[in-house]
Protein backbone atom coordinates (compact mmCIF):
# COMPACT_ATOMS: atom_id res chain seq x y z
CA MET A 1 -140.22 -59.09 -201.79
CA GLN A 2 -136.80 -61.32 -199.50
CA LYS A 3 -135.51 -59.94 -196.09
CA SER A 4 -132.21 -59.33 -196.15
CA PRO A 5 -131.13 -61.01 -193.41
CA VAL A 6 -130.44 -59.25 -190.62
CA ARG A 7 -127.92 -60.29 -187.43
CA LYS A 8 -129.34 -60.64 -184.31
CA TYR A 9 -126.44 -59.96 -182.29
CA GLN A 10 -123.74 -57.62 -183.18
CA VAL A 11 -119.85 -58.23 -183.30
CA VAL A 12 -118.44 -57.27 -179.83
CA GLU A 13 -114.62 -57.88 -179.40
CA GLU A 14 -112.75 -59.29 -176.70
CA ALA A 15 -111.52 -55.78 -174.65
CA GLU A 16 -115.46 -55.66 -174.58
CA ILE A 17 -116.41 -58.46 -173.01
CA ASP A 18 -113.37 -58.20 -170.79
CA LEU A 19 -114.99 -54.62 -169.26
CA VAL A 20 -118.26 -56.11 -169.23
CA LEU A 21 -117.23 -58.92 -166.90
CA GLN A 22 -115.38 -56.39 -164.71
CA CYS A 23 -118.47 -53.97 -164.36
CA ARG A 24 -121.09 -54.33 -161.71
CA ASP A 25 -123.56 -52.64 -162.87
CA SER A 26 -124.47 -50.65 -166.49
CA ARG A 27 -123.95 -47.21 -165.11
CA GLU A 28 -119.93 -48.16 -164.04
CA PHE A 29 -120.01 -50.42 -167.42
CA TYR A 30 -121.44 -47.27 -169.52
CA GLU A 31 -118.62 -44.92 -168.17
CA ARG A 32 -116.09 -47.31 -168.30
CA TYR A 33 -116.74 -48.20 -172.02
CA LEU A 34 -116.56 -44.22 -173.13
CA THR A 35 -113.14 -43.98 -171.60
CA ALA A 36 -111.74 -47.44 -173.02
CA PHE A 37 -112.49 -46.38 -175.86
CA PRO A 38 -112.95 -42.91 -176.85
CA ASP A 39 -113.35 -43.38 -180.34
CA THR A 40 -116.45 -45.80 -181.21
CA LYS A 41 -119.44 -44.77 -182.87
CA LYS A 42 -121.41 -47.17 -181.36
CA GLY A 43 -124.23 -45.68 -179.27
CA LEU A 44 -126.24 -45.83 -176.36
CA ASP A 45 -128.39 -48.12 -177.36
CA SER A 46 -125.69 -50.99 -178.48
CA ILE A 47 -123.42 -50.41 -175.20
CA SER A 48 -126.30 -51.14 -173.55
CA LYS A 49 -127.17 -54.34 -175.25
CA ILE A 50 -123.40 -55.79 -174.50
CA TRP A 51 -124.35 -55.30 -171.00
CA LYS A 52 -127.64 -56.95 -171.57
CA ARG A 53 -125.46 -59.76 -173.14
CA ARG A 54 -123.46 -60.22 -169.61
CA SER A 55 -124.80 -63.11 -168.61
CA GLU A 56 -124.28 -64.67 -171.95
CA PHE A 57 -120.70 -63.81 -172.19
CA ALA A 58 -119.82 -64.69 -168.18
CA LYS A 59 -121.28 -68.40 -169.57
CA LYS A 60 -118.80 -68.86 -172.64
CA ARG A 61 -115.87 -67.85 -170.43
CA PRO A 62 -115.43 -67.84 -166.79
CA LEU A 63 -113.28 -64.57 -164.54
CA THR A 64 -111.30 -66.99 -162.80
CA LEU A 65 -108.28 -64.49 -161.73
CA PRO A 66 -110.93 -61.85 -160.48
CA ALA A 67 -113.30 -63.79 -158.70
CA ALA A 68 -109.97 -65.56 -156.98
CA ASP A 69 -109.26 -61.26 -155.95
CA ALA A 70 -113.03 -61.10 -155.60
CA VAL A 71 -112.80 -64.55 -152.67
CA THR A 72 -109.83 -63.10 -150.38
CA LYS A 73 -111.39 -60.13 -150.71
CA SER A 74 -114.08 -61.61 -149.06
CA ALA A 75 -112.86 -63.75 -147.09
CA HIS A 76 -110.78 -59.99 -145.28
CA GLY A 77 -113.92 -58.79 -145.38
CA ILE A 78 -115.19 -61.14 -142.98
CA ALA A 79 -112.62 -61.49 -140.67
CA THR A 80 -112.76 -57.87 -140.06
CA LEU A 81 -116.24 -58.69 -139.73
CA ILE A 82 -115.58 -60.86 -136.95
CA ALA A 83 -112.89 -59.14 -135.11
CA GLU A 84 -114.90 -56.27 -134.40
CA GLN A 85 -118.44 -58.53 -133.14
CA THR A 86 -116.22 -60.16 -130.90
CA LYS A 87 -114.81 -57.16 -129.98
CA ILE A 88 -118.67 -56.39 -129.55
CA MET A 89 -119.72 -59.24 -127.79
CA GLY A 90 -117.22 -59.14 -125.40
CA VAL A 91 -118.14 -55.33 -124.74
CA ILE A 92 -121.34 -56.53 -124.10
CA SER A 93 -120.03 -59.32 -121.81
CA ALA A 94 -118.76 -56.78 -119.56
CA LEU A 95 -121.20 -54.73 -119.28
CA THR A 96 -123.73 -57.85 -118.36
CA LYS A 97 -121.81 -58.97 -115.52
CA GLU A 98 -121.46 -55.26 -114.45
CA ASN A 99 -125.40 -54.86 -114.85
CA LEU A 100 -125.72 -58.66 -112.69
CA GLU A 101 -123.80 -57.33 -110.08
CA VAL A 102 -125.15 -54.56 -109.46
CA ASN A 103 -128.99 -56.19 -109.81
CA ARG A 104 -127.40 -58.80 -106.86
CA GLN A 105 -126.87 -55.59 -104.78
CA ILE A 106 -130.10 -54.15 -104.97
CA LEU A 107 -131.88 -56.98 -104.33
CA ALA A 108 -129.68 -57.39 -100.94
CA THR A 109 -130.02 -53.95 -100.16
CA LEU A 110 -134.21 -54.48 -100.80
CA THR A 111 -134.19 -57.84 -98.54
CA GLN A 112 -132.14 -55.73 -95.68
CA GLN A 113 -134.87 -52.96 -95.64
CA ASN A 114 -137.71 -55.87 -96.18
CA HIS A 115 -136.44 -57.50 -92.71
CA ILE A 116 -136.01 -54.53 -90.97
CA LEU A 117 -139.41 -53.13 -91.83
CA SER A 118 -141.59 -56.06 -91.30
CA GLY A 119 -139.89 -56.20 -87.94
CA HIS A 120 -138.07 -59.55 -88.43
CA SER A 121 -135.10 -58.20 -87.10
CA GLU A 122 -134.16 -61.69 -85.34
CA HIS A 123 -133.32 -63.17 -89.03
CA THR A 124 -129.60 -63.00 -90.19
CA VAL A 125 -129.51 -60.30 -92.13
CA ARG A 126 -127.83 -60.44 -95.56
CA GLU A 127 -124.96 -58.02 -95.86
CA PRO A 128 -124.54 -57.32 -99.76
CA PRO A 129 -122.11 -58.70 -101.50
CA LYS A 130 -118.29 -56.81 -101.94
CA GLU A 131 -117.33 -55.01 -104.79
CA SER A 132 -113.91 -57.51 -104.93
CA SER A 133 -116.36 -60.74 -104.77
CA HIS A 134 -117.12 -62.16 -108.41
CA HIS A 135 -119.38 -64.65 -107.03
CA ALA A 136 -121.46 -63.30 -104.71
CA PRO A 137 -124.20 -65.81 -103.19
CA ALA A 138 -127.61 -65.09 -105.09
CA VAL A 139 -130.25 -64.88 -102.15
CA LEU A 140 -132.67 -67.70 -102.97
CA HIS A 141 -135.89 -67.09 -102.15
CA PRO A 142 -135.34 -64.75 -99.76
CA MET A 143 -140.11 -64.78 -98.44
CA ARG A 144 -140.20 -68.42 -97.76
CA GLU A 145 -138.83 -67.87 -94.07
CA ILE A 146 -141.47 -65.60 -93.62
CA ALA A 147 -143.96 -66.91 -95.27
CA SER A 148 -143.33 -70.50 -93.44
CA GLU A 149 -143.52 -68.29 -89.95
CA VAL A 150 -147.41 -67.53 -90.48
CA GLN A 151 -149.64 -70.25 -90.38
CA THR A 152 -153.31 -69.98 -91.87
CA PRO A 153 -156.18 -71.81 -89.94
CA ILE A 154 -157.71 -74.70 -92.20
CA LEU A 155 -161.28 -74.38 -92.69
CA VAL A 156 -163.21 -77.45 -94.17
CA GLY A 157 -166.42 -76.77 -95.46
CA SER A 158 -169.83 -78.73 -94.83
């Protein structure tokens, strides 16, 4: 008994290869295949075999025009995303500057209240920075002056 030779792959037309290379997923391919070839006698199994050979078709015939179109679309998309990211970063920067200014005012007010409550009114009282100035001097080490005045005796153990 001799087996009749069975074809390994079915014959695929150029239009089918073009269609399979244009589609992104199998569902899209099935839908577009049935609309593009309404009078086909191929069943769902045959159509799925064409989809499974997609990588083979792509290797044999690289897609030039749609790939260039996809690159320009992706470049435009990236430019749009960068523009939106820049706008968001600008908003974050403005909010951070405003938050920093409020924190400086709070720190100056707390320092002033600390001097009043501790009874060290002879020290110069720092006023909170004006809202119009952008570069308010930061209060560096506000407790250093108070700590240097209090002297504790040094005890040497025997």
